[in-house]
Amino acid sequence: GIGPNTAAVLDELGYRIDCSVRPLFDYGAEDGPSFW
């Protein structure tokens, strides 16, 4: 569940790698992100 602020928040807290993107999956039916 990444959102519009996640990347900036990770940057601020010193993170260098994100592993949240799941191509070909869509969680929009539950108000989650779409990675189609």
All heavy atoms as atom14 arrays in JSON, in Angstrom:
{
  "sequence": "GIGPNTAAVLDELGYRIDCSVRPLFDYGAEDGPSFW",
  "atom14_mask": [
    [1, 1, 1, 1, 0, 0, 0, 0, 0, 0, 0, 0, 0, 0],
    [1, 1, 1, 1, 1, 1, 1, 1, 0, 0, 0, 0, 0, 0],
    [1, 1, 1, 1, 0, 0, 0, 0, 0, 0, 0, 0, 0, 0],
    [1, 1, 1, 1, 1, 1, 1, 0, 0, 0, 0, 0, 0, 0],
    [1, 1, 1, 1, 1, 1, 1, 1, 0, 0, 0, 0, 0, 0],
    [1, 1, 1, 1, 1, 1, 1, 0, 0, 0, 0, 0, 0, 0],
    [1, 1, 1, 1, 1, 0, 0, 0, 0, 0, 0, 0, 0, 0],
    [1, 1, 1, 1, 1, 0, 0, 0, 0, 0, 0, 0, 0, 0],
    [1, 1, 1, 1, 1, 1, 1, 0, 0, 0, 0, 0, 0, 0],
    [1, 1, 1, 1, 1, 1, 1, 1, 0, 0, 0, 0, 0, 0],
    [1, 1, 1, 1, 1, 1, 1, 1, 0, 0, 0, 0, 0, 0],
    [1, 1, 1, 1, 1, 1, 1, 1, 1, 0, 0, 0, 0, 0],
    [1, 1, 1, 1, 1, 1, 1, 1, 0, 0, 0, 0, 0, 0],
    [1, 1, 1, 1, 0, 0, 0, 0, 0, 0, 0, 0, 0, 0],
    [1, 1, 1, 1, 1, 1, 1, 1, 1, 1, 1, 1, 0, 0],
    [1, 1, 1, 1, 1, 1, 1, 1, 1, 1, 1, 0, 0, 0],
    [1, 1, 1, 1, 1, 1, 1, 1, 0, 0, 0, 0, 0, 0],
    [1, 1, 1, 1, 1, 1, 1, 1, 0, 0, 0, 0, 0, 0],
    [1, 1, 1, 1, 1, 1, 0, 0, 0, 0, 0, 0, 0, 0],
    [1, 1, 1, 1, 1, 1, 0, 0, 0, 0, 0, 0, 0, 0],
    [1, 1, 1, 1, 1, 1, 1, 0, 0, 0, 0, 0, 0, 0],
    [1, 1, 1, 1, 1, 1, 1, 1, 1, 1, 1, 0, 0, 0],
    [1, 1, 1, 1, 1, 1, 1, 0, 0, 0, 0, 0, 0, 0],
    [1, 1, 1, 1, 1, 1, 1, 1, 0, 0, 0, 0, 0, 0],
    [1, 1, 1, 1, 1, 1, 1, 1, 1, 1, 1, 0, 0, 0],
    [1, 1, 1, 1, 1, 1, 1, 1, 0, 0, 0, 0, 0, 0],
    [1, 1, 1, 1, 1, 1, 1, 1, 1, 1, 1, 1, 0, 0],
    [1, 1, 1, 1, 0, 0, 0, 0, 0, 0, 0, 0, 0, 0],
    [1, 1, 1, 1, 1, 0, 0, 0, 0, 0, 0, 0, 0, 0],
    [1, 1, 1, 1, 1, 1, 1, 1, 1, 0, 0, 0, 0, 0],
    [1, 1, 1, 1, 1, 1, 1, 1, 0, 0, 0, 0, 0, 0],
    [1, 1, 1, 1, 0, 0, 0, 0, 0, 0, 0, 0, 0, 0],
    [1, 1, 1, 1, 1, 1, 1, 0, 0, 0, 0, 0, 0, 0],
    [1, 1, 1, 1, 1, 1, 0, 0, 0, 0, 0, 0, 0, 0],
    [1, 1, 1, 1, 1, 1, 1, 1, 1, 1, 1, 0, 0, 0],
    [1, 1, 1, 1, 1, 1, 1, 1, 1, 1, 1, 1, 1, 1]
  ],
  "atom14_positions": [
    [[0.77, -1.23, 0.0], [0.0, 0.0, 0.0], [0.8, 1.28, 0.0], [0.69, 2.08, 0.94], [0.0, 0.0, 0.0], [0.0, 0.0, 0.0], [0.0, 0.0, 0.0], [0.0, 0.0, 0.0], [0.0, 0.0, 0.0], [0.0, 0.0, 0.0], [0.0, 0.0, 0.0], [0.0, 0.0, 0.0], [0.0, 0.0, 0.0], [0.0, 0.0, 0.0]],
    [[1.57, 1.52, -1.02], [2.22, 2.83, -1.15], [1.21, 3.85, -1.64], [0.2, 3.52, -2.26], [3.44, 2.78, -2.08], [3.07, 2.23, -3.47], [4.57, 1.96, -1.47], [4.18, 2.28, -4.47], [0.0, 0.0, 0.0], [0.0, 0.0, 0.0], [0.0, 0.0, 0.0], [0.0, 0.0, 0.0], [0.0, 0.0, 0.0], [0.0, 0.0, 0.0]],
    [[1.5, 5.11, -1.33], [0.6, 6.19, -1.71], [1.36, 7.4, -2.22], [2.58, 7.33, -2.46], [0.0, 0.0, 0.0], [0.0, 0.0, 0.0], [0.0, 0.0, 0.0], [0.0, 0.0, 0.0], [0.0, 0.0, 0.0], [0.0, 0.0, 0.0], [0.0, 0.0, 0.0], [0.0, 0.0, 0.0], [0.0, 0.0, 0.0], [0.0, 0.0, 0.0]],
    [[0.68, 8.52, -2.38], [1.32, 9.7, -2.99], [2.45, 10.29, -2.17], [3.3, 11.01, -2.72], [0.16, 10.69, -3.12], [-0.86, 10.25, -2.11], [-0.73, 8.76, -2.06], [0.0, 0.0, 0.0], [0.0, 0.0, 0.0], [0.0, 0.0, 0.0], [0.0, 0.0, 0.0], [0.0, 0.0, 0.0], [0.0, 0.0, 0.0], [0.0, 0.0, 0.0]],
    [[2.5, 10.01, -0.86], [3.54, 10.6, -0.01], [4.64, 9.62, 0.37], [5.63, 10.02, 0.98], [2.89, 11.13, 1.28], [1.82, 12.17, 1.02], [2.05, 13.12, 0.29], [0.64, 11.96, 1.6], [0.0, 0.0, 0.0], [0.0, 0.0, 0.0], [0.0, 0.0, 0.0], [0.0, 0.0, 0.0], [0.0, 0.0, 0.0], [0.0, 0.0, 0.0]],
    [[4.47, 8.35, 0.02], [5.36, 7.32, 0.54], [6.82, 7.55, 0.15], [7.72, 7.46, 1.0], [4.91, 5.93, 0.08], [3.55, 5.73, 0.46], [5.78, 4.84, 0.69], [0.0, 0.0, 0.0], [0.0, 0.0, 0.0], [0.0, 0.0, 0.0], [0.0, 0.0, 0.0], [0.0, 0.0, 0.0], [0.0, 0.0, 0.0], [0.0, 0.0, 0.0]],
    [[7.08, 7.82, -1.11], [8.46, 7.97, -1.56], [9.16, 9.11, -0.83], [10.31, 8.98, -0.4], [8.51, 8.19, -3.07], [0.0, 0.0, 0.0], [0.0, 0.0, 0.0], [0.0, 0.0, 0.0], [0.0, 0.0, 0.0], [0.0, 0.0, 0.0], [0.0, 0.0, 0.0], [0.0, 0.0, 0.0], [0.0, 0.0, 0.0], [0.0, 0.0, 0.0]],
    [[8.46, 10.24, -0.66], [9.07, 11.38, 0.03], [9.32, 11.06, 1.5], [10.37, 11.42, 2.06], [8.18, 12.61, -0.1], [0.0, 0.0, 0.0], [0.0, 0.0, 0.0], [0.0, 0.0, 0.0], [0.0, 0.0, 0.0], [0.0, 0.0, 0.0], [0.0, 0.0, 0.0], [0.0, 0.0, 0.0], [0.0, 0.0, 0.0], [0.0, 0.0, 0.0]],
    [[8.39, 10.36, 2.14], [8.57, 9.98, 3.54], [9.76, 9.05, 3.69], [10.59, 9.19, 4.61], [7.28, 9.33, 4.09], [7.54, 8.66, 5.43], [6.17, 10.37, 4.21], [0.0, 0.0, 0.0], [0.0, 0.0, 0.0], [0.0, 0.0, 0.0], [0.0, 0.0, 0.0], [0.0, 0.0, 0.0], [0.0, 0.0, 0.0], [0.0, 0.0, 0.0]],
    [[9.86, 8.07, 2.8], [11.0, 7.15, 2.84], [12.31, 7.92, 2.68], [13.3, 7.66, 3.38], [10.87, 6.1, 1.75], [9.76, 5.06, 1.94], [9.61, 4.2, 0.68], [10.02, 4.18, 3.14], [0.0, 0.0, 0.0], [0.0, 0.0, 0.0], [0.0, 0.0, 0.0], [0.0, 0.0, 0.0], [0.0, 0.0, 0.0], [0.0, 0.0, 0.0]],
    [[12.33, 8.86, 1.76], [13.53, 9.67, 1.54], [13.92, 10.42, 2.82], [15.09, 10.43, 3.21], [13.23, 10.67, 0.41], [14.38, 10.8, -0.57], [15.22, 9.88, -0.64], [14.44, 11.83, -1.27], [0.0, 0.0, 0.0], [0.0, 0.0, 0.0], [0.0, 0.0, 0.0], [0.0, 0.0, 0.0], [0.0, 0.0, 0.0], [0.0, 0.0, 0.0]],
    [[12.95, 11.01, 3.47], [13.21, 11.78, 4.69], [13.78, 10.9, 5.81], [14.61, 11.36, 6.6], [11.92, 12.44, 5.17], [11.43, 13.58, 4.29], [10.07, 14.08, 4.73], [9.63, 13.7, 5.85], [9.45, 14.85, 3.97], [0.0, 0.0, 0.0], [0.0, 0.0, 0.0], [0.0, 0.0, 0.0], [0.0, 0.0, 0.0], [0.0, 0.0, 0.0]],
    [[13.33, 9.65, 5.88], [13.74, 8.76, 6.96], [14.99, 7.94, 6.62], [15.38, 7.06, 7.39], [12.58, 7.84, 7.34], [11.36, 8.54, 7.96], [10.24, 7.54, 8.23], [11.74, 9.27, 9.24], [0.0, 0.0, 0.0], [0.0, 0.0, 0.0], [0.0, 0.0, 0.0], [0.0, 0.0, 0.0], [0.0, 0.0, 0.0], [0.0, 0.0, 0.0]],
    [[15.6, 8.23, 5.49], [16.87, 7.59, 5.16], [16.77, 6.26, 4.46], [17.77, 5.54, 4.33], [0.0, 0.0, 0.0], [0.0, 0.0, 0.0], [0.0, 0.0, 0.0], [0.0, 0.0, 0.0], [0.0, 0.0, 0.0], [0.0, 0.0, 0.0], [0.0, 0.0, 0.0], [0.0, 0.0, 0.0], [0.0, 0.0, 0.0], [0.0, 0.0, 0.0]],
    [[15.59, 5.92, 3.95], [15.45, 4.67, 3.19], [16.0, 4.85, 1.78], [15.94, 5.93, 1.2], [13.98, 4.23, 3.14], [13.51, 3.61, 4.43], [13.07, 4.4, 5.49], [13.52, 2.23, 4.6], [12.65, 3.84, 6.68], [13.11, 1.66, 5.79], [12.67, 2.46, 6.82], [12.27, 1.89, 8.0], [0.0, 0.0, 0.0], [0.0, 0.0, 0.0]],
    [[16.54, 3.77, 1.24], [17.12, 3.82, -0.1], [16.43, 2.87, -1.08], [16.61, 3.0, -2.29], [18.61, 3.46, -0.04], [19.48, 4.41, 0.78], [19.47, 5.83, 0.22], [19.58, 5.87, -1.22], [20.72, 5.68, -1.91], [21.85, 5.44, -1.25], [20.74, 5.74, -3.22], [0.0, 0.0, 0.0], [0.0, 0.0, 0.0], [0.0, 0.0, 0.0]],
    [[15.68, 1.9, -0.56], [15.09, 0.87, -1.42], [13.64, 0.64, -1.0], [13.33, 0.53, 0.19], [15.85, -0.47, -1.29], [17.33, -0.28, -1.62], [15.24, -1.54, -2.2], [18.21, -1.44, -1.18], [0.0, 0.0, 0.0], [0.0, 0.0, 0.0], [0.0, 0.0, 0.0], [0.0, 0.0, 0.0], [0.0, 0.0, 0.0], [0.0, 0.0, 0.0]],
    [[12.75, 0.58, -1.99], [11.36, 0.19, -1.74], [11.08, -1.08, -2.53], [11.57, -1.26, -3.65], [10.4, 1.28, -2.18], [8.95, 0.87, -1.96], [8.55, 0.76, -0.78], [8.23, 0.6, -2.94], [0.0, 0.0, 0.0], [0.0, 0.0, 0.0], [0.0, 0.0, 0.0], [0.0, 0.0, 0.0], [0.0, 0.0, 0.0], [0.0, 0.0, 0.0]],
    [[10.28, -1.99, -1.92], [9.93, -3.26, -2.56], [8.41, -3.46, -2.58], [7.92, -4.58, -2.47], [10.58, -4.43, -1.82], [12.36, -4.36, -1.67], [0.0, 0.0, 0.0], [0.0, 0.0, 0.0], [0.0, 0.0, 0.0], [0.0, 0.0, 0.0], [0.0, 0.0, 0.0], [0.0, 0.0, 0.0], [0.0, 0.0, 0.0], [0.0, 0.0, 0.0]],
    [[7.66, -2.36, -2.7], [6.21, -2.42, -2.55], [5.44, -2.61, -3.86], [4.27, -2.99, -3.83], [5.69, -1.14, -1.88], [6.34, -0.89, -0.66], [0.0, 0.0, 0.0], [0.0, 0.0, 0.0], [0.0, 0.0, 0.0], [0.0, 0.0, 0.0], [0.0, 0.0, 0.0], [0.0, 0.0, 0.0], [0.0, 0.0, 0.0], [0.0, 0.0, 0.0]],
    [[6.06, -2.32, -4.98], [5.35, -2.34, -6.26], [5.13, -3.79, -6.71], [6.08, -4.57, -6.78], [6.1, -1.52, -7.32], [5.5, -1.73, -8.7], [6.08, -0.05, -6.95], [0.0, 0.0, 0.0], [0.0, 0.0, 0.0], [0.0, 0.0, 0.0], [0.0, 0.0, 0.0], [0.0, 0.0, 0.0], [0.0, 0.0, 0.0], [0.0, 0.0, 0.0]],
    [[3.88, -4.12, -7.04], [3.54, -5.47, -7.48], [2.89, -5.4, -8.87], [1.66, -5.35, -8.99], [2.59, -6.13, -6.48], [2.52, -7.64, -6.64], [1.59, -8.29, -5.63], [1.81, -9.73, -5.63], [0.99, -10.61, -5.06], [-0.12, -10.18, -4.47], [1.26, -11.9, -5.11], [0.0, 0.0, 0.0], [0.0, 0.0, 0.0], [0.0, 0.0, 0.0]],
    [[3.7, -5.42, -9.92], [3.16, -5.3, -11.28], [2.08, -6.34, -11.58], [2.12, -7.46, -11.07], [4.4, -5.52, -12.16], [5.54, -5.09, -11.3], [5.17, -5.51, -9.91], [0.0, 0.0, 0.0], [0.0, 0.0, 0.0], [0.0, 0.0, 0.0], [0.0, 0.0, 0.0], [0.0, 0.0, 0.0], [0.0, 0.0, 0.0], [0.0, 0.0, 0.0]],
    [[1.11, -5.92, -12.39], [0.0, -6.75, -12.87], [-1.05, -7.0, -11.8], [-1.97, -7.8, -12.0], [0.48, -8.1, -13.43], [1.57, -8.05, -14.51], [1.84, -9.46, -15.05], [1.19, -7.11, -15.63], [0.0, 0.0, 0.0], [0.0, 0.0, 0.0], [0.0, 0.0, 0.0], [0.0, 0.0, 0.0], [0.0, 0.0, 0.0], [0.0, 0.0, 0.0]],
    [[-0.96, -6.3, -10.66], [-1.97, -6.43, -9.61], [-2.65, -5.08, -9.37], [-2.02, -4.03, -9.52], [-1.35, -6.92, -8.3], [-1.06, -8.4, -8.29], [0.04, -8.9, -8.99], [-1.87, -9.28, -7.61], [0.31, -10.27, -8.99], [-1.62, -10.64, -7.6], [-0.52, -11.15, -8.29], [0.0, 0.0, 0.0], [0.0, 0.0, 0.0], [0.0, 0.0, 0.0]],
    [[-3.93, -5.15, -9.0], [-4.74, -3.95, -8.78], [-5.54, -4.12, -7.49], [-6.34, -5.05, -7.37], [-5.68, -3.74, -9.97], [-6.5, -2.46, -9.87], [-6.41, -1.77, -8.83], [-7.24, -2.16, -10.82], [0.0, 0.0, 0.0], [0.0, 0.0, 0.0], [0.0, 0.0, 0.0], [0.0, 0.0, 0.0], [0.0, 0.0, 0.0], [0.0, 0.0, 0.0]],
    [[-5.3, -3.23, -6.52], [-5.99, -3.29, -5.24], [-7.02, -2.17, -5.12], [-7.46, -1.81, -4.04], [-4.98, -3.22, -4.1], [-4.01, -4.37, -4.13], [-2.77, -4.25, -4.77], [-4.33, -5.6, -3.57], [-1.89, -5.33, -4.84], [-3.46, -6.68, -3.62], [-2.25, -6.53, -4.26], [-1.39, -7.61, -4.34], [0.0, 0.0, 0.0], [0.0, 0.0, 0.0]],
    [[-7.42, -1.64, -6.27], [-8.35, -0.51, -6.3], [-9.72, -0.83, -5.72], [-10.4, 0.08, -5.2], [0.0, 0.0, 0.0], [0.0, 0.0, 0.0], [0.0, 0.0, 0.0], [0.0, 0.0, 0.0], [0.0, 0.0, 0.0], [0.0, 0.0, 0.0], [0.0, 0.0, 0.0], [0.0, 0.0, 0.0], [0.0, 0.0, 0.0], [0.0, 0.0, 0.0]],
    [[-10.15, -2.07, -5.77], [-11.47, -2.42, -5.24], [-11.56, -2.18, -3.75], [-12.67, -2.03, -3.2], [-11.79, -3.89, -5.55], [0.0, 0.0, 0.0], [0.0, 0.0, 0.0], [0.0, 0.0, 0.0], [0.0, 0.0, 0.0], [0.0, 0.0, 0.0], [0.0, 0.0, 0.0], [0.0, 0.0, 0.0], [0.0, 0.0, 0.0], [0.0, 0.0, 0.0]],
    [[-10.41, -2.13, -3.05], [-10.37, -1.85, -1.61], [-9.73, -0.49, -1.33], [-9.26, -0.24, -0.22], [-9.61, -2.95, -0.89], [-10.26, -4.32, -0.98], [-9.47, -5.38, -0.22], [-8.35, -5.72, -0.66], [-9.97, -5.84, 0.82], [0.0, 0.0, 0.0], [0.0, 0.0, 0.0], [0.0, 0.0, 0.0], [0.0, 0.0, 0.0], [0.0, 0.0, 0.0]],
    [[-9.71, 0.37, -2.34], [-9.08, 1.69, -2.21], [-7.56, 1.6, -2.07], [-6.92, 2.51, -1.54], [-9.65, 2.48, -1.03], [-11.05, 3.02, -1.32], [-11.35, 3.24, -2.51], [-11.83, 3.19, -0.38], [0.0, 0.0, 0.0], [0.0, 0.0, 0.0], [0.0, 0.0, 0.0], [0.0, 0.0, 0.0], [0.0, 0.0, 0.0], [0.0, 0.0, 0.0]],
    [[-6.98, 0.52, -2.56], [-5.54, 0.39, -2.58], [-4.96, 0.82, -3.91], [-5.69, 1.27, -4.81], [0.0, 0.0, 0.0], [0.0, 0.0, 0.0], [0.0, 0.0, 0.0], [0.0, 0.0, 0.0], [0.0, 0.0, 0.0], [0.0, 0.0, 0.0], [0.0, 0.0, 0.0], [0.0, 0.0, 0.0], [0.0, 0.0, 0.0], [0.0, 0.0, 0.0]],
    [[-3.65, 0.7, -4.1], [-3.01, 1.13, -5.34], [-3.23, 0.15, -6.49], [-3.51, -1.03, -6.27], [-1.53, 1.21, -4.97], [-1.39, 0.19, -3.88], [-2.67, 0.2, -3.11], [0.0, 0.0, 0.0], [0.0, 0.0, 0.0], [0.0, 0.0, 0.0], [0.0, 0.0, 0.0], [0.0, 0.0, 0.0], [0.0, 0.0, 0.0], [0.0, 0.0, 0.0]],
    [[-3.09, 0.66, -7.7], [-3.11, -0.19, -8.89], [-1.72, -0.2, -9.51], [-1.11, 0.85, -9.71], [-4.11, 0.35, -9.92], [-4.01, -0.38, -11.13], [0.0, 0.0, 0.0], [0.0, 0.0, 0.0], [0.0, 0.0, 0.0], [0.0, 0.0, 0.0], [0.0, 0.0, 0.0], [0.0, 0.0, 0.0], [0.0, 0.0, 0.0], [0.0, 0.0, 0.0]],
    [[-1.23, -1.4, -9.79], [0.1, -1.56, -10.39], [0.03, -2.19, -11.78], [0.99, -2.81, -12.22], [0.98, -2.43, -9.47], [1.19, -1.87, -8.09], [0.76, -2.58, -6.98], [1.81, -0.66, -7.9], [0.96, -2.1, -5.69], [2.01, -0.15, -6.61], [1.59, -0.87, -5.51], [0.0, 0.0, 0.0], [0.0, 0.0, 0.0], [0.0, 0.0, 0.0]],
    [[-1.12, -2.06, -12.42], [-1.28, -2.73, -13.71], [-0.17, -2.38, -14.7], [0.31, -3.22, -15.43], [-2.63, -2.38, -14.32], [-3.73, -3.29, -13.89], [-4.81, -2.98, -13.11], [-3.84, -4.69, -14.17], [-5.58, -4.09, -12.9], [-5.02, -5.15, -13.54], [-3.07, -5.6, -14.89], [-5.44, -6.48, -13.61], [-3.49, -6.92, -14.96], [-4.65, -7.35, -14.33]]
  ]
}
